[in-house]
């Protein structure tokens, strides 16, 4: 009985006409036979890479895959492997395809392209980041204007608390100026961090408007919110003599007798 061999060498040729030997592994997988032993990376080759106006030269094992080449190129170009497309002799190569099987030799040239979908995502993210930056700048301008108006609100608040009479026109004008800033904030298209900043500034303006409304009411009636206000109520306390009661007191009895009998003097 013949004992089966664990390897079954086969012969074929690569695109350059060079002979390639294959062997059958115990698991049934047909792989290229390695002369330097299983797991050996083999000889190194240099690959020239054209990436737009940039040119790179990297060293990889001769039997590496295009996927492994992409991982090396990610360190050179900043592109993630999934963002890369590699063309050799005008054809795009799959990640699991071996360099030597495709005919890539030392100093061979490949073309690196950025995946269109990935490039579009980057451009979209760039536009989004630019939009956020622009929105933040616009919000900062409004914030500066609101801060100036906040000083005037503070001045009016101090005057009202001191009991000074303030013209109603000052409250109206300042409120209108704050509403203008509120409209500016509403017109700003914001996303992400800019949206958060806009929400905070909107609430800030609203708080100032509410403060002005309160100050205006207090200015019209200085005692409305004063801690020294005297409360007037119709709930009077009833005393024994009837004073302070809402109803008139009962007539008090008198010990003096009134008579029409007159006394005559000399």
C-alpha atoms as a PDB file:
ATOM      1  CA  UNK A   1       0.000   0.000   0.000  1.00  0.00           C
ATOM      2  CA  UNK A   2       1.386   3.339  -1.042  1.00  0.00           C
ATOM      3  CA  UNK A   3       1.580   6.076   1.539  1.00  0.00           C
ATOM      4  CA  UNK A   4       0.075   9.341   0.266  1.00  0.00           C
ATOM      5  CA  UNK A   5       2.251  12.393   0.162  1.00  0.00           C
ATOM      6  CA  UNK A   6       1.220  15.423   2.188  1.00  0.00           C
ATOM      7  CA  UNK A   7       2.282  17.686  -0.678  1.00  0.00           C
ATOM      8  CA  UNK A   8       1.416  17.376  -4.338  1.00  0.00           C
ATOM      9  CA  UNK A   9       3.615  19.755  -6.375  1.00  0.00           C
ATOM     10  CA  UNK A  10       1.970  21.228  -9.440  1.00  0.00           C
ATOM     11  CA  UNK A  11       3.419  23.517 -12.079  1.00  0.00           C
ATOM     12  CA  UNK A  12       2.040  26.641 -13.705  1.00  0.00           C
ATOM     13  CA  UNK A  13       3.265  29.964 -15.034  1.00  0.00           C
ATOM     14  CA  UNK A  14       2.691  33.553 -13.951  1.00  0.00           C
ATOM     15  CA  UNK A  15       1.905  36.346 -16.485  1.00  0.00           C
ATOM     16  CA  UNK A  16       5.636  36.781 -17.106  1.00  0.00           C
ATOM     17  CA  UNK A  17       6.060  33.137 -18.113  1.00  0.00           C
ATOM     18  CA  UNK A  18       7.918  32.183 -14.957  1.00  0.00           C
ATOM     19  CA  UNK A  19       7.281  28.723 -13.497  1.00  0.00           C
ATOM     20  CA  UNK A  20       5.364  28.525 -10.245  1.00  0.00           C
ATOM     21  CA  UNK A  21       5.307  25.443  -8.068  1.00  0.00           C
ATOM     22  CA  UNK A  22       2.288  24.595  -5.935  1.00  0.00           C
ATOM     23  CA  UNK A  23       1.750  22.238  -3.049  1.00  0.00           C
ATOM     24  CA  UNK A  24      -1.328  20.748  -1.464  1.00  0.00           C
ATOM     25  CA  UNK A  25      -1.540  21.348   2.272  1.00  0.00           C
ATOM     26  CA  UNK A  26      -3.095  18.694   4.588  1.00  0.00           C
ATOM     27  CA  UNK A  27      -6.244  20.810   4.887  1.00  0.00           C
ATOM     28  CA  UNK A  28      -6.781  20.578   1.143  1.00  0.00           C
ATOM     29  CA  UNK A  29      -5.628  24.129   0.386  1.00  0.00           C
ATOM     30  CA  UNK A  30      -3.509  24.611  -2.722  1.00  0.00           C
ATOM     31  CA  UNK A  31      -0.762  27.174  -2.085  1.00  0.00           C
ATOM     32  CA  UNK A  32       2.440  28.223  -3.778  1.00  0.00           C
ATOM     33  CA  UNK A  33       5.424  26.245  -2.633  1.00  0.00           C
ATOM     34  CA  UNK A  34       7.890  28.286  -0.610  1.00  0.00           C
ATOM     35  CA  UNK A  35      11.577  27.596  -1.030  1.00  0.00           C
ATOM     36  CA  UNK A  36      12.521  29.346   2.236  1.00  0.00           C
ATOM     37  CA  UNK A  37      10.259  27.282   4.464  1.00  0.00           C
ATOM     38  CA  UNK A  38       6.698  27.712   5.685  1.00  0.00           C
ATOM     39  CA  UNK A  39       6.014  31.105   7.199  1.00  0.00           C
ATOM     40  CA  UNK A  40       9.145  32.723   5.783  1.00  0.00           C
ATOM     41  CA  UNK A  41       8.446  36.192   4.317  1.00  0.00           C
ATOM     42  CA  UNK A  42      10.835  35.518   1.436  1.00  0.00           C
ATOM     43  CA  UNK A  43      12.961  38.137  -0.285  1.00  0.00           C
ATOM     44  CA  UNK A  44      12.060  41.812  -0.066  1.00  0.00           C
ATOM     45  CA  UNK A  45      11.256  43.943  -3.076  1.00  0.00           C
ATOM     46  CA  UNK A  46      10.849  47.666  -3.556  1.00  0.00           C
ATOM     47  CA  UNK A  47       7.615  48.924  -5.057  1.00  0.00           C
ATOM     48  CA  UNK A  48       7.205  52.352  -6.585  1.00  0.00           C
ATOM     49  CA  UNK A  49       3.826  53.892  -5.922  1.00  0.00           C
ATOM     50  CA  UNK A  50       2.306  56.788  -7.858  1.00  0.00           C
ATOM     51  CA  UNK A  51      -0.343  58.664  -5.885  1.00  0.00           C
ATOM     52  CA  UNK A  52      -1.491  61.719  -7.811  1.00  0.00           C
ATOM     53  CA  UNK A  53       1.388  64.191  -7.770  1.00  0.00           C
ATOM     54  CA  UNK A  54       3.117  62.201  -5.007  1.00  0.00           C
ATOM     55  CA  UNK A  55       5.508  59.287  -5.462  1.00  0.00           C
ATOM     56  CA  UNK A  56       6.449  56.766  -2.805  1.00  0.00           C
ATOM     57  CA  UNK A  57       8.808  53.832  -2.645  1.00  0.00           C
ATOM     58  CA  UNK A  58       8.138  51.091  -0.102  1.00  0.00           C
ATOM     59  CA  UNK A  59       9.718  47.737   0.716  1.00  0.00           C
ATOM     60  CA  UNK A  60       7.528  44.673   1.142  1.00  0.00           C
ATOM     61  CA  UNK A  61       8.022  40.899   1.021  1.00  0.00           C
ATOM     62  CA  UNK A  62       7.979  39.594  -2.545  1.00  0.00           C
ATOM     63  CA  UNK A  63       5.139  37.223  -1.656  1.00  0.00           C
ATOM     64  CA  UNK A  64       3.050  39.792   0.194  1.00  0.00           C
ATOM     65  CA  UNK A  65      -0.539  40.505  -0.791  1.00  0.00           C
ATOM     66  CA  UNK A  66      -1.915  43.765  -2.104  1.00  0.00           C
ATOM     67  CA  UNK A  67      -3.799  44.069   1.173  1.00  0.00           C
ATOM     68  CA  UNK A  68      -0.500  43.991   3.031  1.00  0.00           C
ATOM     69  CA  UNK A  69       0.901  46.554   0.612  1.00  0.00           C
ATOM     70  CA  UNK A  70      -2.054  48.828   1.443  1.00  0.00           C
ATOM     71  CA  UNK A  71      -1.291  48.582   5.159  1.00  0.00           C
ATOM     72  CA  UNK A  72       2.289  49.689   4.460  1.00  0.00           C
ATOM     73  CA  UNK A  73       1.068  52.538   2.254  1.00  0.00           C
ATOM     74  CA  UNK A  74      -1.363  53.754   4.931  1.00  0.00           C
ATOM     75  CA  UNK A  75       1.651  54.848   6.970  1.00  0.00           C
ATOM     76  CA  UNK A  76       3.043  56.740   3.990  1.00  0.00           C
ATOM     77  CA  UNK A  77      -0.131  58.359   2.668  1.00  0.00           C
ATOM     78  CA  UNK A  78      -2.432  58.604   5.674  1.00  0.00           C
ATOM     79  CA  UNK A  79      -5.103  56.692   3.779  1.00  0.00           C
ATOM     80  CA  UNK A  80      -6.678  53.746   5.559  1.00  0.00           C
ATOM     81  CA  UNK A  81      -6.414  50.417   3.676  1.00  0.00           C
ATOM     82  CA  UNK A  82     -10.163  50.434   2.952  1.00  0.00           C
ATOM     83  CA  UNK A  83      -9.794  53.878   1.390  1.00  0.00           C
ATOM     84  CA  UNK A  84      -7.185  52.694  -1.127  1.00  0.00           C
ATOM     85  CA  UNK A  85      -7.480  51.273  -4.628  1.00  0.00           C
ATOM     86  CA  UNK A  86      -4.299  49.831  -6.183  1.00  0.00           C
ATOM     87  CA  UNK A  87      -3.925  49.423  -9.923  1.00  0.00           C
ATOM     88  CA  UNK A  88      -1.192  47.358 -11.572  1.00  0.00           C
ATOM     89  CA  UNK A  89      -0.908  47.237 -15.340  1.00  0.00           C
ATOM     90  CA  UNK A  90      -4.213  49.075 -15.605  1.00  0.00           C
ATOM     91  CA  UNK A  91      -6.210  46.632 -13.474  1.00  0.00           C
ATOM     92  CA  UNK A  92      -7.417  47.043  -9.905  1.00  0.00           C
ATOM     93  CA  UNK A  93      -6.103  44.337  -7.578  1.00  0.00           C
ATOM     94  CA  UNK A  94      -7.939  42.580  -4.768  1.00  0.00           C
ATOM     95  CA  UNK A  95      -6.591  42.590  -1.229  1.00  0.00           C
ATOM     96  CA  UNK A  96      -5.954  38.852  -1.091  1.00  0.00           C
ATOM     97  CA  UNK A  97      -4.098  38.736  -4.413  1.00  0.00           C
ATOM     98  CA  UNK A  98      -0.333  38.157  -4.102  1.00  0.00           C
ATOM     99  CA  UNK A  99       2.146  40.590  -5.593  1.00  0.00           C
ATOM    100  CA  UNK A 100       4.338  37.928  -7.216  1.00  0.00           C
ATOM    101  CA  UNK A 101       1.294  36.189  -8.689  1.00  0.00           C
ATOM    102  CA  UNK A 102       0.333  39.432 -10.415  1.00  0.00           C
ATOM    103  CA  UNK A 103       3.885  39.843 -11.721  1.00  0.00           C
ATOM    104  CA  UNK A 104       5.013  42.601  -9.352  1.00  0.00           C
ATOM    105  CA  UNK A 105       8.818  42.527  -9.242  1.00  0.00           C
ATOM    106  CA  UNK A 106      11.463  44.673  -7.645  1.00  0.00           C
ATOM    107  CA  UNK A 107      11.041  48.359  -8.581  1.00  0.00           C
ATOM    108  CA  UNK A 108       7.690  47.644 -10.225  1.00  0.00           C
ATOM    109  CA  UNK A 109       5.283  50.572 -10.393  1.00  0.00           C
ATOM    110  CA  UNK A 110       1.708  50.573  -9.118  1.00  0.00           C
ATOM    111  CA  UNK A 111      -0.882  53.342  -9.068  1.00  0.00           C
ATOM    112  CA  UNK A 112      -2.676  54.285  -5.855  1.00  0.00           C
ATOM    113  CA  UNK A 113      -6.112  55.910  -6.005  1.00  0.00           C
ATOM    114  CA  UNK A 114      -8.336  57.060  -3.200  1.00  0.00           C
ATOM    115  CA  UNK A 115     -11.690  55.334  -3.132  1.00  0.00           C
ATOM    116  CA  UNK A 116     -14.305  57.777  -4.579  1.00  0.00           C
ATOM    117  CA  UNK A 117     -16.876  57.000  -1.878  1.00  0.00           C
ATOM    118  CA  UNK A 118     -14.329  57.562   0.857  1.00  0.00           C
ATOM    119  CA  UNK A 119     -13.142  60.756  -0.795  1.00  0.00           C
ATOM    120  CA  UNK A 120     -16.706  62.065  -0.995  1.00  0.00           C
ATOM    121  CA  UNK A 121     -17.235  61.302   2.691  1.00  0.00           C
ATOM    122  CA  UNK A 122     -14.094  63.243   3.561  1.00  0.00           C
ATOM    123  CA  UNK A 123     -15.193  66.194   1.451  1.00  0.00           C
ATOM    124  CA  UNK A 124     -18.610  66.126   3.096  1.00  0.00           C
ATOM    125  CA  UNK A 125     -17.019  66.051   6.543  1.00  0.00           C
ATOM    126  CA  UNK A 126     -14.731  68.903   5.542  1.00  0.00           C
ATOM    127  CA  UNK A 127     -17.682  70.982   4.354  1.00  0.00           C
ATOM    128  CA  UNK A 128     -19.530  70.163   7.570  1.00  0.00           C
ATOM    129  CA  UNK A 129     -16.560  71.196   9.707  1.00  0.00           C
ATOM    130  CA  UNK A 130     -16.232  74.435   7.752  1.00  0.00           C
ATOM    131  CA  UNK A 131     -19.944  75.097   8.259  1.00  0.00           C
ATOM    132  CA  UNK A 132     -19.640  74.526  12.000  1.00  0.00           C
ATOM    133  CA  UNK A 133     -16.650  76.855  12.185  1.00  0.00           C
ATOM    134  CA  UNK A 134     -18.499  79.549  10.241  1.00  0.00           C
ATOM    135  CA  UNK A 135     -21.558  79.188  12.465  1.00  0.00           C
ATOM    136  CA  UNK A 136     -19.454  79.423  15.633  1.00  0.00           C
ATOM    137  CA  UNK A 137     -17.878  82.631  14.342  1.00  0.00           C
ATOM    138  CA  UNK A 138     -21.310  84.136  13.623  1.00  0.00           C
ATOM    139  CA  UNK A 139     -22.541  83.155  17.094  1.00  0.00           C
ATOM    140  CA  UNK A 140     -19.453  84.746  18.633  1.00  0.00           C
ATOM    141  CA  UNK A 141     -20.316  88.065  16.920  1.00  0.00           C
ATOM    142  CA  UNK A 142     -23.855  87.935  18.339  1.00  0.00           C
ATOM    143  CA  UNK A 143     -22.506  86.985  21.766  1.00  0.00           C
ATOM    144  CA  UNK A 144     -20.333  90.103  21.798  1.00  0.00           C
ATOM    145  CA  UNK A 145     -23.306  92.324  20.925  1.00  0.00           C
ATOM    146  CA  UNK A 146     -25.468  90.685  23.583  1.00  0.00           C
ATOM    147  CA  UNK A 147     -22.745  91.232  26.180  1.00  0.00           C
ATOM    148  CA  UNK A 148     -22.813  94.976  25.400  1.00  0.00           C
ATOM    149  CA  UNK A 149     -26.595  95.023  25.798  1.00  0.00           C
ATOM    150  CA  UNK A 150     -26.263  93.029  29.021  1.00  0.00           C
ATOM    151  CA  UNK A 151     -24.327  95.926  30.552  1.00  0.00           C
ATOM    152  CA  UNK A 152     -27.246  98.252  29.781  1.00  0.00           C
ATOM    153  CA  UNK A 153     -29.702  95.781  31.306  1.00  0.00           C
ATOM    154  CA  UNK A 154     -27.575  95.682  34.432  1.00  0.00           C
ATOM    155  CA  UNK A 155     -27.513  99.492  34.592  1.00  0.00           C
ATOM    156  CA  UNK A 156     -31.314  99.681  34.330  1.00  0.00           C
ATOM    157  CA  UNK A 157     -31.679  97.030  37.008  1.00  0.00           C
ATOM    158  CA  UNK A 158     -29.489  99.023  39.391  1.00  0.00           C
ATOM    159  CA  UNK A 159     -31.462 102.202  38.726  1.00  0.00           C
ATOM    160  CA  UNK A 160     -34.809 100.520  39.368  1.00  0.00           C
ATOM    161  CA  UNK A 161     -33.572  98.916  42.580  1.00  0.00           C
ATOM    162  CA  UNK A 162     -32.415 102.314  43.814  1.00  0.00           C
ATOM    163  CA  UNK A 163     -35.909 103.640  43.246  1.00  0.00           C
ATOM    164  CA  UNK A 164     -35.015 105.903  40.324  1.00  0.00           C
ATOM    165  CA  UNK A 165     -37.702 106.532  37.740  1.00  0.00           C
ATOM    166  CA  UNK A 166     -36.704 105.221  34.304  1.00  0.00           C
ATOM    167  CA  UNK A 167     -38.468 106.170  31.076  1.00  0.00           C
ATOM    168  CA  UNK A 168     -40.436 103.273  29.574  1.00  0.00           C
ATOM    169  CA  UNK A 169     -38.797 104.000  26.229  1.00  0.00           C
ATOM    170  CA  UNK A 170     -35.479 102.707  27.542  1.00  0.00           C
ATOM    171  CA  UNK A 171     -37.000  99.315  28.325  1.00  0.00           C
ATOM    172  CA  UNK A 172     -38.716  99.144  24.925  1.00  0.00           C
ATOM    173  CA  UNK A 173     -35.624 100.088  22.915  1.00  0.00           C
ATOM    174  CA  UNK A 174     -33.367  97.678  24.794  1.00  0.00           C
ATOM    175  CA  UNK A 175     -35.879  94.858  24.372  1.00  0.00           C
ATOM    176  CA  UNK A 176     -36.055  95.506  20.623  1.00  0.00           C
ATOM    177  CA  UNK A 177     -32.269  95.420  20.334  1.00  0.00           C
ATOM    178  CA  UNK A 178     -32.198  92.071  22.105  1.00  0.00           C
ATOM    179  CA  UNK A 179     -34.906  90.729  19.784  1.00  0.00           C
ATOM    180  CA  UNK A 180     -32.762  91.736  16.788  1.00  0.00           C
ATOM    181  CA  UNK A 181     -29.943  89.576  18.161  1.00  0.00           C
ATOM    182  CA  UNK A 182     -32.412  86.757  18.691  1.00  0.00           C
ATOM    183  CA  UNK A 183     -33.403  86.929  15.020  1.00  0.00           C
ATOM    184  CA  UNK A 184     -29.743  86.829  14.016  1.00  0.00           C
ATOM    185  CA  UNK A 185     -29.263  83.647  16.040  1.00  0.00           C
ATOM    186  CA  UNK A 186     -32.331  82.109  14.448  1.00  0.00           C
ATOM    187  CA  UNK A 187     -30.907  82.746  10.957  1.00  0.00           C
ATOM    188  CA  UNK A 188     -27.649  80.884  11.704  1.00  0.00           C
ATOM    189  CA  UNK A 189     -27.587  77.317  10.369  1.00  0.00           C
ATOM    190  CA  UNK A 190     -25.772  75.314  13.012  1.00  0.00           C
ATOM    191  CA  UNK A 191     -24.821  71.695  13.599  1.00  0.00           C
ATOM    192  CA  UNK A 192     -22.897  69.873  16.275  1.00  0.00           C
ATOM    193  CA  UNK A 193     -21.066  72.154  18.695  1.00  0.00           C
ATOM    194  CA  UNK A 194     -22.358  75.283  16.945  1.00  0.00           C
ATOM    195  CA  UNK A 195     -25.934  74.167  17.558  1.00  0.00           C
ATOM    196  CA  UNK A 196     -25.216  73.807  21.276  1.00  0.00           C
ATOM    197  CA  UNK A 197     -23.631  77.274  21.434  1.00  0.00           C
ATOM    198  CA  UNK A 198     -26.582  78.816  19.598  1.00  0.00           C
ATOM    199  CA  UNK A 199     -29.074  77.225  22.005  1.00  0.00           C
ATOM    200  CA  UNK A 200     -27.153  78.606  25.000  1.00  0.00           C
ATOM    201  CA  UNK A 201     -27.024  82.113  23.513  1.00  0.00           C
ATOM    202  CA  UNK A 202     -30.732  82.063  22.623  1.00  0.00           C
ATOM    203  CA  UNK A 203     -31.602  81.221  26.204  1.00  0.00           C
ATOM    204  CA  UNK A 204     -29.288  83.988  27.417  1.00  0.00           C
ATOM    205  CA  UNK A 205     -31.088  86.588  25.291  1.00  0.00           C
ATOM    206  CA  UNK A 206     -34.483  85.320  26.432  1.00  0.00           C
ATOM    207  CA  UNK A 207     -33.429  85.696  30.066  1.00  0.00           C
ATOM    208  CA  UNK A 208     -32.457  89.340  29.475  1.00  0.00           C
ATOM    209  CA  UNK A 209     -35.805  90.040  27.788  1.00  0.00           C
ATOM    210  CA  UNK A 210     -37.656  88.495  30.751  1.00  0.00           C
ATOM    211  CA  UNK A 211     -35.557  90.590  33.132  1.00  0.00           C
ATOM    212  CA  UNK A 212     -36.484  93.765  31.254  1.00  0.00           C
ATOM    213  CA  UNK A 213     -40.175  92.877  31.424  1.00  0.00           C
ATOM    214  CA  UNK A 214     -39.897  92.456  35.187  1.00  0.00           C
ATOM    215  CA  UNK A 215     -37.978  95.719  35.595  1.00  0.00           C
ATOM    216  CA  UNK A 216     -40.474  97.603  33.440  1.00  0.00           C
ATOM    217  CA  UNK A 217     -43.370  96.423  35.600  1.00  0.00           C
ATOM    218  CA  UNK A 218     -41.528  97.283  38.781  1.00  0.00           C
ATOM    219  CA  UNK A 219     -40.584 100.699  37.415  1.00  0.00           C
ATOM    220  CA  UNK A 220     -44.276 101.436  36.733  1.00  0.00           C
ATOM    221  CA  UNK A 221     -45.204 100.390  40.286  1.00  0.00           C
ATOM    222  CA  UNK A 222     -42.176 100.837  42.549  1.00  0.00           C
ATOM    223  CA  UNK A 223     -43.903  99.126  45.478  1.00  0.00           C
ATOM    224  CA  UNK A 224     -45.091  96.084  43.592  1.00  0.00           C
ATOM    225  CA  UNK A 225     -41.967  94.076  44.372  1.00  0.00           C
ATOM    226  CA  UNK A 226     -40.648  96.045  47.344  1.00  0.00           C
ATOM    227  CA  UNK A 227     -39.996  94.221  50.570  1.00  0.00           C
ATOM    228  CA  UNK A 228     -41.403  97.261  52.418  1.00  0.00           C
ATOM    229  CA  UNK A 229     -44.775  97.158  50.735  1.00  0.00           C
ATOM    230  CA  UNK A 230     -47.710  97.549  53.128  1.00  0.00           C
ATOM    231  CA  UNK A 231     -50.350  94.961  52.426  1.00  0.00           C
ATOM    232  CA  UNK A 232     -53.891  96.321  52.399  1.00  0.00           C
ATOM    233  CA  UNK A 233     -56.619  93.833  53.161  1.00  0.00           C
ATOM    234  CA  UNK A 234     -60.306  93.880  53.927  1.00  0.00           C
ATOM    235  CA  UNK A 235     -59.952  91.234  56.593  1.00  0.00           C
ATOM    236  CA  UNK A 236     -59.984  93.430  59.623  1.00  0.00           C
ATOM    237  CA  UNK A 237     -59.525  92.244  63.143  1.00  0.00           C
ATOM    238  CA  UNK A 238     -62.627  92.721  65.276  1.00  0.00           C
ATOM    239  CA  UNK A 239     -62.131  94.197  68.705  1.00  0.00           C
ATOM    240  CA  UNK A 240     -64.557  94.212  71.637  1.00  0.00           C
ATOM    241  CA  UNK A 241     -65.555  97.827  71.041  1.00  0.00           C
ATOM    242  CA  UNK A 242     -66.226  97.192  67.386  1.00  0.00           C
ATOM    243  CA  UNK A 243     -63.344  99.324  66.077  1.00  0.00           C
ATOM    244  CA  UNK A 244     -61.785  97.982  62.930  1.00  0.00           C
ATOM    245  CA  UNK A 245     -64.825  95.978  62.034  1.00  0.00           C
ATOM    246  CA  UNK A 246     -66.430  96.276  58.630  1.00  0.00           C
ATOM    247  CA  UNK A 247     -69.817  96.573  60.332  1.00  0.00           C
ATOM    248  CA  UNK A 248     -70.761  99.583  62.387  1.00  0.00           C
ATOM    249  CA  UNK A 249     -70.463  99.102  66.164  1.00  0.00           C
ATOM    250  CA  UNK A 250     -73.560  98.611  68.203  1.00  0.00           C
ATOM    251  CA  UNK A 251     -74.774 101.717  70.069  1.00  0.00           C
ATOM    252  CA  UNK A 252     -73.396 101.931  73.578  1.00  0.00           C
ATOM    253  CA  UNK A 253     -75.820 102.339  76.458  1.00  0.00           C
ATOM    254  CA  UNK A 254     -75.638 105.690  78.292  1.00  0.00           C
ATOM    255  CA  UNK A 255     -76.420 106.493  81.949  1.00  0.00           C
ATOM    256  CA  UNK A 256     -77.454 110.055  81.048  1.00  0.00           C
ATOM    257  CA  UNK A 257     -81.222 110.591  80.856  1.00  0.00           C
ATOM    258  CA  UNK A 258     -82.429 113.175  78.394  1.00  0.00           C
ATOM    259  CA  UNK A 259     -85.609 115.030  79.558  1.00  0.00           C
ATOM    260  CA  UNK A 260     -87.644 118.040  78.485  1.00  0.00           C
ATOM    261  CA  UNK A 261     -88.181 119.174  82.033  1.00  0.00           C
ATOM    262  CA  UNK A 262     -86.345 122.448  82.432  1.00  0.00           C
ATOM    263  CA  UNK A 263     -85.222 123.872  85.738  1.00  0.00           C
ATOM    264  CA  UNK A 264     -86.051 127.531  86.370  1.00  0.00           C
ATOM    265  CA  UNK A 265     -83.559 129.855  88.107  1.00  0.00           C
ATOM    266  CA  UNK A 266     -84.163 133.212  89.754  1.00  0.00           C
END
